[in-house]
Amino acid sequence: MNKEPTFSYDKKVDVLYISFSPGEKATTSVELNDNILLRFNRAEKRAIGLTLMDFSVLVQITNLGPRSFPLTGLNELEPDWQETVIEIITKPPVNQILKVSVYTPSMNETVPIAHVEQLTTASSLYSTVHA
């Protein structure tokens, strides 16, 4: 289970596929937002992979730091599903790639957000494509 993730970048569509368990099929997938798809084994509460669409946008660094995105898909989940997904995305191996935090626009409202970590492997894939 402590395998190194594998990365596959599709330049034509700007999508990075990350597999935490190469060859294993996910039992469930959840759109965390329009650009991030989490694939996992629900029974084991274990991540199988991530699909990062518009990867070049997700990894852009702004003058204030990494670009963050709201995880709007969490709001569409039933509470038990939401709890499972949060548990999966806030522990390894997902939290080594997807850094999750929260934005609090008011005292009564919280919005889960995330940014994609600048991984050496992922970054080198992107640099090779956009050099």
C-alpha atoms as a PDB file:
ATOM      1  CA  MET A   1       0.000   0.000   0.000  1.00  0.00           C
ATOM      2  CA  ASN A   2       2.987   2.318   0.374  1.00  0.00           C
ATOM      3  CA  LYS A   3       3.639   2.383  -3.356  1.00  0.00           C
ATOM      4  CA  GLU A   4       4.919   5.486  -5.078  1.00  0.00           C
ATOM      5  CA  PRO A   5       2.143   7.152  -7.083  1.00  0.00           C
ATOM      6  CA  THR A   6       2.340   7.021 -10.857  1.00  0.00           C
ATOM      7  CA  PHE A   7       1.697  10.092 -12.985  1.00  0.00           C
ATOM      8  CA  SER A   8       0.425  10.278 -16.554  1.00  0.00           C
ATOM      9  CA  TYR A   9       0.033  13.647 -18.252  1.00  0.00           C
ATOM     10  CA  ASP A  10      -2.131  14.063 -21.375  1.00  0.00           C
ATOM     11  CA  LYS A  11      -0.807  17.185 -23.094  1.00  0.00           C
ATOM     12  CA  LYS A  12      -3.688  17.454 -25.595  1.00  0.00           C
ATOM     13  CA  VAL A  13      -6.328  17.882 -22.920  1.00  0.00           C
ATOM     14  CA  ASP A  14      -4.102  19.203 -20.087  1.00  0.00           C
ATOM     15  CA  VAL A  15      -5.036  16.412 -17.662  1.00  0.00           C
ATOM     16  CA  LEU A  16      -2.802  14.791 -15.069  1.00  0.00           C
ATOM     17  CA  TYR A  17      -3.802  11.300 -13.955  1.00  0.00           C
ATOM     18  CA  ILE A  18      -2.358  10.210 -10.620  1.00  0.00           C
ATOM     19  CA  SER A  19      -2.642   6.609  -9.505  1.00  0.00           C
ATOM     20  CA  PHE A  20      -1.913   5.660  -5.904  1.00  0.00           C
ATOM     21  CA  SER A  21      -2.633   1.980  -6.600  1.00  0.00           C
ATOM     22  CA  PRO A  22      -1.640   1.285 -10.219  1.00  0.00           C
ATOM     23  CA  GLY A  23      -3.854  -1.323 -11.837  1.00  0.00           C
ATOM     24  CA  GLU A  24      -6.538  -1.179  -9.151  1.00  0.00           C
ATOM     25  CA  LYS A  25     -10.029  -0.036 -10.115  1.00  0.00           C
ATOM     26  CA  ALA A  26     -11.849   2.475  -7.945  1.00  0.00           C
ATOM     27  CA  THR A  27     -15.266   1.538  -6.585  1.00  0.00           C
ATOM     28  CA  THR A  28     -16.400   5.166  -6.358  1.00  0.00           C
ATOM     29  CA  SER A  29     -15.474   8.595  -7.655  1.00  0.00           C
ATOM     30  CA  VAL A  30     -16.393  12.087  -6.512  1.00  0.00           C
ATOM     31  CA  GLU A  31     -15.967  15.408  -8.297  1.00  0.00           C
ATOM     32  CA  LEU A  32     -14.388  17.644  -5.693  1.00  0.00           C
ATOM     33  CA  ASN A  33     -14.903  20.514  -8.153  1.00  0.00           C
ATOM     34  CA  ASP A  34     -15.020  20.944 -11.933  1.00  0.00           C
ATOM     35  CA  ASN A  35     -11.288  20.191 -12.217  1.00  0.00           C
ATOM     36  CA  ILE A  36     -10.530  17.587  -9.538  1.00  0.00           C
ATOM     37  CA  LEU A  37     -11.873  14.032  -9.506  1.00  0.00           C
ATOM     38  CA  LEU A  38     -11.119  11.719  -6.581  1.00  0.00           C
ATOM     39  CA  ARG A  39     -11.243   7.962  -7.248  1.00  0.00           C
ATOM     40  CA  PHE A  40     -11.361   5.691  -4.210  1.00  0.00           C
ATOM     41  CA  ASN A  41     -12.327   2.389  -2.608  1.00  0.00           C
ATOM     42  CA  ARG A  42     -15.271   3.358  -0.443  1.00  0.00           C
ATOM     43  CA  ALA A  43     -15.347   0.206   1.691  1.00  0.00           C
ATOM     44  CA  GLU A  44     -11.686   0.681   2.663  1.00  0.00           C
ATOM     45  CA  LYS A  45     -11.845   4.497   2.668  1.00  0.00           C
ATOM     46  CA  ARG A  46      -8.709   4.459   0.543  1.00  0.00           C
ATOM     47  CA  ALA A  47      -7.705   6.718  -2.355  1.00  0.00           C
ATOM     48  CA  ILE A  48      -7.025   4.981  -5.669  1.00  0.00           C
ATOM     49  CA  GLY A  49      -6.263   8.094  -7.721  1.00  0.00           C
ATOM     50  CA  LEU A  50      -6.822  11.710  -8.642  1.00  0.00           C
ATOM     51  CA  THR A  51      -7.622  13.240 -12.013  1.00  0.00           C
ATOM     52  CA  LEU A  52      -6.562  16.890 -12.337  1.00  0.00           C
ATOM     53  CA  MET A  53      -8.215  18.571 -15.317  1.00  0.00           C
ATOM     54  CA  ASP A  54      -6.808  21.873 -16.608  1.00  0.00           C
ATOM     55  CA  PHE A  55      -3.662  20.896 -14.740  1.00  0.00           C
ATOM     56  CA  SER A  56      -1.698  23.910 -15.989  1.00  0.00           C
ATOM     57  CA  VAL A  57      -4.266  26.209 -14.331  1.00  0.00           C
ATOM     58  CA  LEU A  58      -4.379  24.186 -11.097  1.00  0.00           C
ATOM     59  CA  VAL A  59      -0.618  24.498 -10.545  1.00  0.00           C
ATOM     60  CA  GLN A  60      -0.246  28.165 -11.457  1.00  0.00           C
ATOM     61  CA  ILE A  61       1.527  30.249  -8.860  1.00  0.00           C
ATOM     62  CA  THR A  62       0.177  33.752  -8.356  1.00  0.00           C
ATOM     63  CA  ASN A  63       2.020  36.688  -6.829  1.00  0.00           C
ATOM     64  CA  LEU A  64       0.359  35.698  -3.527  1.00  0.00           C
ATOM     65  CA  GLY A  65       1.223  31.988  -3.715  1.00  0.00           C
ATOM     66  CA  PRO A  66      -0.457  28.873  -5.091  1.00  0.00           C
ATOM     67  CA  ARG A  67      -3.862  29.209  -6.699  1.00  0.00           C
ATOM     68  CA  SER A  68      -6.600  27.722  -4.480  1.00  0.00           C
ATOM     69  CA  PHE A  69      -9.947  26.350  -5.590  1.00  0.00           C
ATOM     70  CA  PRO A  70     -13.192  25.778  -3.685  1.00  0.00           C
ATOM     71  CA  LEU A  71     -14.155  22.124  -3.253  1.00  0.00           C
ATOM     72  CA  THR A  72     -17.757  22.762  -4.278  1.00  0.00           C
ATOM     73  CA  GLY A  73     -18.451  19.078  -4.872  1.00  0.00           C
ATOM     74  CA  LEU A  74     -18.342  18.386  -1.140  1.00  0.00           C
ATOM     75  CA  ASN A  75     -21.518  20.436  -0.653  1.00  0.00           C
ATOM     76  CA  GLU A  76     -23.412  18.110  -2.983  1.00  0.00           C
ATOM     77  CA  LEU A  77     -22.627  14.994  -0.930  1.00  0.00           C
ATOM     78  CA  GLU A  78     -24.731  13.394   1.790  1.00  0.00           C
ATOM     79  CA  PRO A  79     -23.167  13.961   5.247  1.00  0.00           C
ATOM     80  CA  ASP A  80     -21.778  10.398   5.571  1.00  0.00           C
ATOM     81  CA  TRP A  81     -20.219  10.574   2.099  1.00  0.00           C
ATOM     82  CA  GLN A  82     -18.845  14.025   2.864  1.00  0.00           C
ATOM     83  CA  GLU A  83     -17.230  12.710   6.048  1.00  0.00           C
ATOM     84  CA  THR A  84     -15.650   9.781   4.150  1.00  0.00           C
ATOM     85  CA  VAL A  85     -14.296  12.016   1.389  1.00  0.00           C
ATOM     86  CA  ILE A  86     -12.873  14.552   3.854  1.00  0.00           C
ATOM     87  CA  GLU A  87     -11.161  11.724   5.716  1.00  0.00           C
ATOM     88  CA  ILE A  88      -9.604  10.474   2.460  1.00  0.00           C
ATOM     89  CA  ILE A  89      -8.427  13.863   1.153  1.00  0.00           C
ATOM     90  CA  THR A  90      -6.882  14.970   4.443  1.00  0.00           C
ATOM     91  CA  LYS A  91      -4.546  11.994   4.861  1.00  0.00           C
ATOM     92  CA  PRO A  92      -1.772  10.404   2.779  1.00  0.00           C
ATOM     93  CA  PRO A  93      -1.429   9.886  -0.059  1.00  0.00           C
ATOM     94  CA  VAL A  94      -3.951  12.518  -1.222  1.00  0.00           C
ATOM     95  CA  ASN A  95      -2.841  15.218   1.219  1.00  0.00           C
ATOM     96  CA  GLN A  96       0.680  15.016  -0.207  1.00  0.00           C
ATOM     97  CA  ILE A  97      -0.688  16.315  -3.523  1.00  0.00           C
ATOM     98  CA  LEU A  98      -3.881  18.160  -2.640  1.00  0.00           C
ATOM     99  CA  LYS A  99      -3.495  20.644   0.216  1.00  0.00           C
ATOM    100  CA  VAL A 100      -6.904  21.192   1.789  1.00  0.00           C
ATOM    101  CA  SER A 101      -7.820  24.133   3.987  1.00  0.00           C
ATOM    102  CA  VAL A 102     -10.822  26.323   4.641  1.00  0.00           C
ATOM    103  CA  TYR A 103     -11.850  29.844   3.708  1.00  0.00           C
ATOM    104  CA  THR A 104     -14.133  31.599   6.180  1.00  0.00           C
ATOM    105  CA  PRO A 105     -15.974  34.462   4.474  1.00  0.00           C
ATOM    106  CA  SER A 106     -18.048  35.033   7.640  1.00  0.00           C
ATOM    107  CA  MET A 107     -18.274  33.632  11.161  1.00  0.00           C
ATOM    108  CA  ASN A 108     -21.162  31.407  10.080  1.00  0.00           C
ATOM    109  CA  GLU A 109     -19.782  30.150   6.783  1.00  0.00           C
ATOM    110  CA  THR A 110     -16.837  27.970   5.845  1.00  0.00           C
ATOM    111  CA  VAL A 111     -15.779  26.972   2.348  1.00  0.00           C
ATOM    112  CA  PRO A 112     -13.375  24.049   1.905  1.00  0.00           C
ATOM    113  CA  ILE A 113     -10.605  24.961  -0.536  1.00  0.00           C
ATOM    114  CA  ALA A 114      -7.511  23.223  -1.904  1.00  0.00           C
ATOM    115  CA  HIS A 115      -4.418  23.825  -3.947  1.00  0.00           C
ATOM    116  CA  VAL A 116      -2.264  21.358  -5.833  1.00  0.00           C
ATOM    117  CA  GLU A 117       1.149  20.868  -4.282  1.00  0.00           C
ATOM    118  CA  GLN A 118       4.134  21.545  -6.527  1.00  0.00           C
ATOM    119  CA  LEU A 119       5.408  17.964  -6.656  1.00  0.00           C
ATOM    120  CA  THR A 120       8.736  17.325  -8.309  1.00  0.00           C
ATOM    121  CA  THR A 121       7.339  14.595 -10.547  1.00  0.00           C
ATOM    122  CA  ALA A 122       4.185  16.475 -11.483  1.00  0.00           C
ATOM    123  CA  SER A 123       6.054  19.735 -11.954  1.00  0.00           C
ATOM    124  CA  SER A 124       8.664  18.133 -14.165  1.00  0.00           C
ATOM    125  CA  LEU A 125       5.885  16.615 -16.287  1.00  0.00           C
ATOM    126  CA  TYR A 126       4.319  20.053 -16.663  1.00  0.00           C
ATOM    127  CA  SER A 127       7.667  21.777 -17.309  1.00  0.00           C
ATOM    128  CA  THR A 128       8.557  19.278 -20.002  1.00  0.00           C
ATOM    129  CA  VAL A 129       5.275  19.903 -21.752  1.00  0.00           C
ATOM    130  CA  HIS A 130       5.334  23.693 -21.460  1.00  0.00           C
ATOM    131  CA  ALA A 131       9.065  24.369 -21.835  1.00  0.00           C
END
